[in-house]
Amino acid sequence: MQLSVVVPTLDGREQLARTLDALAEHVPAAEIVVVNGPSTDGTTGMVRERADVDVLVEVADRTVTAARNAGIEQTTGDVVALVDQGLTVTDEWYDALVDDLGGADVVSGPVHEQLRGGMTAEEVESDALAGREVTYFNGGNVAFSRSALDALDGFDEYLEIGSARDGAHRLAAMDFSVTWAPEMGVAREVGADGGGPETDPGWKYRSLAYRLVKNYGVRPRVAARLVAYAGRDALGSLRDVARGDATPSGWLGTGREVLSGLAVGSKDGTWARLLDRSTRRNPYGRSARSDRPVAVYDRR
């Protein structure tokens, strides 16, 4: 098995260095492809000085979705893994990848966050909609067989967020199997508060509506799912207003963003479904663009 690892990065030089150091230590035979775009912290120079990076791809896009697709395009392995910057792999990561890909098309694992001396980790998440069983994967820690990745045609570049969840729905539609391997964990150091970037509510619901309508069409179950998600968040935000943690005007503003996101996402999802009527459902995938790289430095 030849393993290729794609590492997208954006203004994370020190985080990227930790990831590359761990890959060099634990999977030295892997083909490493770094996609940088467009960083302003000296990432390019640091990567070009490393002998353990096989390909550096410079892109103008700032989304991780486009970066992953650009990196996948440069890989040659029969297994392709995605590892986000700042995540560190272990020997167990590679062993679990090899063992579980023997019985599945895609294998994913948790991200352990080092916080106040302890570890937290996500667990496997699955869903069922329209008779389809979907197992989600972690887009920052996942490995694909080449056949599954080619059938998927990478990720949908319409989506700034949620492209991995969209990919899970599309894999299920094409009968590719996704498995979760707890041993395939990666570690990430986080700040003392454990916080991360907040998701824009408009894009959150635009992404949700887009991928559900694109993959399942306009049907009552889809509408019910969207209303349920929005209603749950609206009630939670209303409780914040009651406690004084948010303002009524802020609650109304967020509500307008949510409604706008749902409308735009549903419209665009319907159009995307018409553009690609196959089970792949990826009109904005890897093969749709050839202009992502600004420059490619290839040592192979």
Protein backbone atom coordinates (compact mmCIF):
# COMPACT_ATOMS: atom_id res chain seq x y z
CA MET A 1 0.00 0.00 0.00
CA GLN A 2 1.30 3.44 -0.94
CA LEU A 3 -0.02 6.15 1.35
CA SER A 4 -0.33 9.80 0.33
CA VAL A 5 -1.11 12.42 2.99
CA VAL A 6 -2.59 15.82 2.13
CA VAL A 7 -2.10 18.61 4.68
CA PRO A 8 -3.95 21.89 3.98
CA THR A 9 -2.53 24.94 5.73
CA LEU A 10 -3.31 28.64 6.07
CA ASP A 11 -1.25 30.99 8.25
CA GLY A 12 -0.31 28.16 10.60
CA ARG A 13 3.44 27.75 10.18
CA GLU A 14 4.17 26.44 13.67
CA GLN A 15 1.11 24.20 13.73
CA LEU A 16 2.03 22.80 10.32
CA ALA A 17 5.58 22.10 11.47
CA ARG A 18 4.26 19.95 14.35
CA THR A 19 2.09 17.98 11.95
CA LEU A 20 4.94 17.41 9.49
CA ASP A 21 7.33 16.40 12.27
CA ALA A 22 4.86 13.74 13.47
CA LEU A 23 4.27 12.44 9.94
CA ALA A 24 8.03 12.22 9.31
CA GLU A 25 8.47 10.27 12.54
CA HIS A 26 5.57 7.85 12.30
CA VAL A 27 4.89 7.44 8.56
CA PRO A 28 8.25 8.27 6.92
CA ALA A 29 7.43 6.32 3.74
CA ALA A 30 4.27 8.31 3.01
CA GLU A 31 4.02 10.79 0.16
CA ILE A 32 3.42 14.21 1.77
CA VAL A 33 1.54 16.93 -0.10
CA VAL A 34 1.17 20.33 1.58
CA VAL A 35 -1.38 22.80 0.20
CA ASN A 36 -0.71 26.38 1.26
CA GLY A 37 -3.10 29.09 0.51
CA PRO A 38 -2.41 31.93 0.70
CA SER A 39 -0.34 32.22 3.91
CA THR A 40 1.55 35.36 4.91
CA ASP A 41 3.63 33.93 7.78
CA GLY A 42 6.57 32.39 5.94
CA THR A 43 4.95 28.98 5.48
CA THR A 44 6.22 28.63 1.92
CA GLY A 45 9.86 29.07 2.87
CA MET A 46 9.59 26.70 5.82
CA VAL A 47 8.00 23.94 3.75
CA ARG A 48 10.43 24.29 0.84
CA GLU A 49 13.34 23.82 3.24
CA ARG A 50 11.97 20.48 4.47
CA ALA A 51 13.18 17.34 2.73
CA ASP A 52 10.20 15.33 4.01
CA VAL A 53 7.59 17.21 1.92
CA ASP A 54 7.24 15.78 -1.57
CA VAL A 55 4.92 18.38 -3.08
CA LEU A 56 4.02 21.94 -2.08
CA VAL A 57 0.95 23.38 -3.80
CA GLU A 58 0.31 27.12 -3.54
CA VAL A 59 -3.33 28.12 -4.05
CA ALA A 60 -5.22 31.40 -3.99
CA ASP A 61 -8.38 29.93 -2.43
CA ARG A 62 -8.77 30.33 1.32
CA THR A 63 -11.24 27.48 1.86
CA VAL A 64 -10.12 24.11 3.18
CA THR A 65 -12.43 22.44 0.65
CA ALA A 66 -10.53 23.82 -2.34
CA ALA A 67 -7.19 23.13 -0.63
CA ARG A 68 -8.07 19.48 -0.06
CA ASN A 69 -9.11 19.04 -3.68
CA ALA A 70 -5.92 20.72 -4.92
CA GLY A 71 -3.84 18.38 -2.78
CA ILE A 72 -5.73 15.25 -3.79
CA GLU A 73 -5.04 16.17 -7.42
CA GLN A 74 -1.28 15.86 -6.78
CA THR A 75 -1.30 12.51 -4.95
CA THR A 76 -0.18 9.21 -6.46
CA GLY A 77 -0.89 6.74 -3.64
CA ASP A 78 -3.60 4.08 -3.72
CA VAL A 79 -4.67 5.36 -0.27
CA VAL A 80 -5.07 9.10 0.39
CA ALA A 81 -5.30 10.54 3.88
CA LEU A 82 -6.27 14.08 4.92
CA VAL A 83 -4.68 15.51 8.07
CA ASP A 84 -5.32 19.10 9.15
CA GLN A 85 -2.52 21.41 10.25
CA GLY A 86 -1.81 21.25 13.97
CA LEU A 87 -2.82 17.60 14.30
CA THR A 88 -0.16 15.04 15.24
CA VAL A 89 -0.34 11.38 14.27
CA THR A 90 1.10 8.38 16.13
CA ASP A 91 2.23 4.85 15.27
CA GLU A 92 -1.25 3.66 16.25
CA TRP A 93 -2.75 6.02 13.65
CA TYR A 94 -1.03 4.28 10.77
CA ASP A 95 -1.65 0.77 12.10
CA ALA A 96 -5.37 1.49 12.54
CA LEU A 97 -5.56 3.01 9.05
CA VAL A 98 -4.07 -0.11 7.48
CA ASP A 99 -6.15 -2.55 9.53
CA ASP A 100 -9.51 -0.86 8.99
CA LEU A 101 -9.09 -0.04 5.30
CA GLY A 102 -8.91 -3.78 4.76
CA GLY A 103 -12.64 -3.98 5.44
CA ALA A 104 -13.92 -0.53 4.48
CA ASP A 105 -13.51 2.10 1.78
CA VAL A 106 -13.00 5.03 4.15
CA VAL A 107 -11.66 5.10 7.70
CA SER A 108 -11.72 8.03 10.10
CA GLY A 109 -10.83 8.64 13.72
CA PRO A 110 -11.15 11.15 16.54
CA VAL A 111 -9.25 14.34 17.28
CA HIS A 112 -7.99 14.34 20.86
CA GLU A 113 -7.64 17.83 22.28
CA GLN A 114 -4.98 18.37 24.91
CA LEU A 115 -6.73 20.51 27.50
CA ARG A 116 -5.60 21.17 31.07
CA GLY A 117 -3.75 17.89 31.28
CA GLY A 118 -6.69 15.82 30.04
CA MET A 119 -7.94 14.52 26.73
CA THR A 120 -11.27 14.97 25.06
CA ALA A 121 -12.36 13.11 21.94
CA GLU A 122 -15.30 13.00 19.60
CA GLU A 123 -17.13 9.76 18.88
CA VAL A 124 -18.59 8.16 15.79
CA GLU A 125 -21.66 9.94 14.45
CA SER A 126 -24.23 8.44 12.12
CA ASP A 127 -27.60 9.43 10.70
CA ALA A 128 -30.47 8.04 8.65
CA LEU A 129 -32.47 9.97 6.07
CA ALA A 130 -34.71 8.79 3.24
CA GLY A 131 -33.77 5.18 3.90
CA ARG A 132 -30.05 5.90 3.69
CA GLU A 133 -27.64 5.11 6.54
CA VAL A 134 -24.86 7.68 6.74
CA THR A 135 -21.67 7.42 8.80
CA TYR A 136 -19.90 10.76 9.07
CA PHE A 137 -16.14 11.10 8.91
CA ASN A 138 -13.75 13.67 10.29
CA GLY A 139 -12.51 15.74 7.35
CA GLY A 140 -9.29 16.57 9.19
CA ASN A 141 -8.41 12.95 9.99
CA VAL A 142 -9.57 10.51 7.36
CA ALA A 143 -8.17 8.05 4.79
CA PHE A 144 -9.79 6.98 1.51
CA SER A 145 -9.18 4.14 -0.86
CA ARG A 146 -8.37 5.54 -4.29
CA SER A 147 -11.52 4.00 -5.77
CA ALA A 148 -13.78 5.72 -3.23
CA LEU A 149 -12.02 9.06 -3.59
CA ASP A 150 -12.18 8.99 -7.39
CA ALA A 151 -15.87 8.06 -7.34
CA LEU A 152 -16.51 10.91 -4.88
CA ASP A 153 -14.59 13.34 -7.13
CA GLY A 154 -13.20 15.04 -4.05
CA PHE A 155 -15.22 17.60 -2.14
CA ASP A 156 -17.93 20.04 -3.23
CA GLU A 157 -16.24 23.44 -3.49
CA TYR A 158 -19.52 25.29 -3.19
CA LEU A 159 -19.33 24.51 0.51
CA GLU A 160 -17.08 26.66 2.68
CA ILE A 161 -18.10 24.51 5.65
CA GLY A 162 -19.72 21.09 5.84
CA SER A 163 -18.04 19.54 2.79
CA ALA A 164 -17.00 16.43 4.75
CA ARG A 165 -20.58 15.84 5.92
CA ASP A 166 -21.76 16.29 2.35
CA GLY A 167 -19.16 13.74 1.28
CA ALA A 168 -20.49 11.24 3.81
CA HIS A 169 -23.99 11.48 2.33
CA ARG A 170 -22.61 11.00 -1.17
CA LEU A 171 -20.48 8.02 -0.17
CA ALA A 172 -23.56 6.37 1.35
CA ALA A 173 -25.51 6.96 -1.86
CA MET A 174 -22.79 5.16 -3.83
CA ASP A 175 -22.64 2.27 -1.33
CA PHE A 176 -19.10 2.97 -0.14
CA SER A 177 -18.48 1.99 3.47
CA VAL A 178 -17.15 4.33 6.15
CA THR A 179 -15.76 2.98 9.40
CA TRP A 180 -14.65 4.69 12.61
CA ALA A 181 -11.39 3.61 14.25
CA PRO A 182 -10.86 4.99 17.78
CA GLU A 183 -7.19 3.96 17.53
CA MET A 184 -6.74 6.24 14.50
CA GLY A 185 -6.69 9.27 16.74
CA VAL A 186 -4.69 12.45 16.28
CA ALA A 187 -3.83 15.02 18.96
CA ARG A 188 -4.23 18.78 18.93
CA GLU A 189 -3.15 21.31 21.51
CA VAL A 190 -5.77 23.95 22.25
CA GLY A 191 -5.93 27.02 24.42
CA ALA A 192 -6.90 26.93 28.07
CA ASP A 193 -10.50 27.77 27.23
CA GLY A 194 -10.72 24.97 24.67
CA GLY A 195 -12.45 27.36 22.31
CA GLY A 196 -12.50 27.38 18.54
CA PRO A 197 -13.71 29.69 15.78
CA GLU A 198 -17.41 30.41 15.74
CA THR A 199 -19.46 29.34 12.74
CA ASP A 200 -21.39 32.00 10.87
CA PRO A 201 -25.09 31.10 11.36
CA GLY A 202 -26.02 32.13 7.83
CA TRP A 203 -23.40 29.86 6.27
CA LYS A 204 -24.17 27.08 8.72
CA TYR A 205 -27.76 26.86 7.52
CA ARG A 206 -26.91 27.63 3.92
CA SER A 207 -24.56 24.64 3.97
CA LEU A 208 -27.09 22.41 5.72
CA ALA A 209 -29.92 23.24 3.31
CA TYR A 210 -27.66 22.95 0.27
CA ARG A 211 -26.32 19.50 1.06
CA LEU A 212 -29.66 18.05 2.14
CA VAL A 213 -31.57 19.37 -0.87
CA LYS A 214 -28.74 18.48 -3.26
CA ASN A 215 -28.50 14.90 -1.99
CA TYR A 216 -32.17 14.13 -1.28
CA GLY A 217 -34.24 16.63 -3.24
CA VAL A 218 -37.12 18.76 -1.99
CA ARG A 219 -39.16 16.38 0.14
CA PRO A 220 -41.10 16.62 3.42
CA ARG A 221 -38.44 14.78 5.43
CA VAL A 222 -35.80 17.27 4.32
CA ALA A 223 -38.00 20.26 5.16
CA ALA A 224 -38.83 18.76 8.55
CA ARG A 225 -35.14 18.24 9.29
CA LEU A 226 -34.29 21.84 8.42
CA VAL A 227 -37.15 23.24 10.51
CA ALA A 228 -36.18 21.03 13.45
CA TYR A 229 -32.55 22.19 13.40
CA ALA A 230 -33.50 25.86 13.08
CA GLY A 231 -36.19 25.60 15.76
CA ARG A 232 -33.82 23.95 18.22
CA ASP A 233 -31.19 26.66 17.74
CA ALA A 234 -33.83 29.40 17.95
CA LEU A 235 -35.08 28.09 21.30
CA GLY A 236 -31.54 27.83 22.63
CA SER A 237 -30.80 31.41 21.61
CA LEU A 238 -34.07 32.59 23.15
CA ARG A 239 -32.98 31.08 26.45
CA ASP A 240 -29.78 33.11 26.19
CA VAL A 241 -31.90 36.25 25.78
CA ALA A 242 -33.97 35.32 28.84
CA ARG A 243 -30.78 34.85 30.90
CA GLY A 244 -29.39 38.18 29.68
CA ASP A 245 -26.55 36.54 27.74
CA ALA A 246 -27.89 37.90 24.42
CA THR A 247 -30.08 40.75 23.23
CA PRO A 248 -33.48 40.52 21.52
CA SER A 249 -32.15 42.52 18.56
CA GLY A 250 -29.23 40.11 18.23
CA TRP A 251 -31.63 37.15 18.34
CA LEU A 252 -33.74 38.68 15.56
CA GLY A 253 -30.65 39.44 13.48
CA THR A 254 -29.42 35.89 13.78
CA GLY A 255 -32.88 34.65 12.83
CA ARG A 256 -32.79 36.68 9.63
CA GLU A 257 -29.37 35.23 8.78
CA VAL A 258 -30.68 31.69 9.38
CA LEU A 259 -33.74 32.20 7.19
CA SER A 260 -31.64 33.75 4.43
CA GLY A 261 -29.16 30.88 4.63
CA LEU A 262 -31.93 28.30 4.40
CA ALA A 263 -33.45 30.02 1.36
CA VAL A 264 -30.19 30.45 -0.54
CA GLY A 265 -28.94 26.97 0.33
CA SER A 266 -32.18 25.33 -0.76
CA LYS A 267 -32.17 27.21 -4.06
CA ASP A 268 -28.53 26.42 -4.78
CA GLY A 269 -28.95 22.81 -3.68
CA THR A 270 -31.82 22.36 -6.14
CA TRP A 271 -29.69 23.77 -8.94
CA ALA A 272 -26.72 21.56 -8.01
CA ARG A 273 -29.00 18.51 -8.03
CA LEU A 274 -30.05 19.39 -11.57
CA LEU A 275 -26.44 19.96 -12.68
CA ASP A 276 -25.32 16.52 -11.49
CA ARG A 277 -28.08 13.92 -11.63
CA SER A 278 -25.72 11.03 -10.89
CA THR A 279 -25.32 9.50 -7.43
CA ARG A 280 -22.03 11.41 -7.15
CA ARG A 281 -23.93 14.72 -6.72
CA ASN A 282 -20.79 16.85 -7.05
CA PRO A 283 -21.09 19.49 -9.79
CA TYR A 284 -18.36 21.61 -8.13
CA GLY A 285 -15.92 18.79 -7.40
CA ARG A 286 -12.27 18.11 -8.03
CA SER A 287 -12.64 17.57 -11.77
CA ALA A 288 -14.59 20.79 -12.30
CA ARG A 289 -11.54 23.04 -11.90
CA SER A 290 -7.96 22.96 -13.10
CA ASP A 291 -6.99 26.50 -12.05
CA ARG A 292 -6.54 25.99 -8.29
CA PRO A 293 -2.70 25.85 -8.13
CA VAL A 294 -0.81 29.12 -8.40
CA ALA A 295 2.48 27.22 -8.16
CA VAL A 296 3.52 23.60 -7.61
CA TYR A 297 6.92 22.60 -6.18
CA ASP A 298 7.38 18.89 -6.84
CA ARG A 299 10.44 17.00 -5.54
CA ARG A 300 9.39 13.57 -6.81
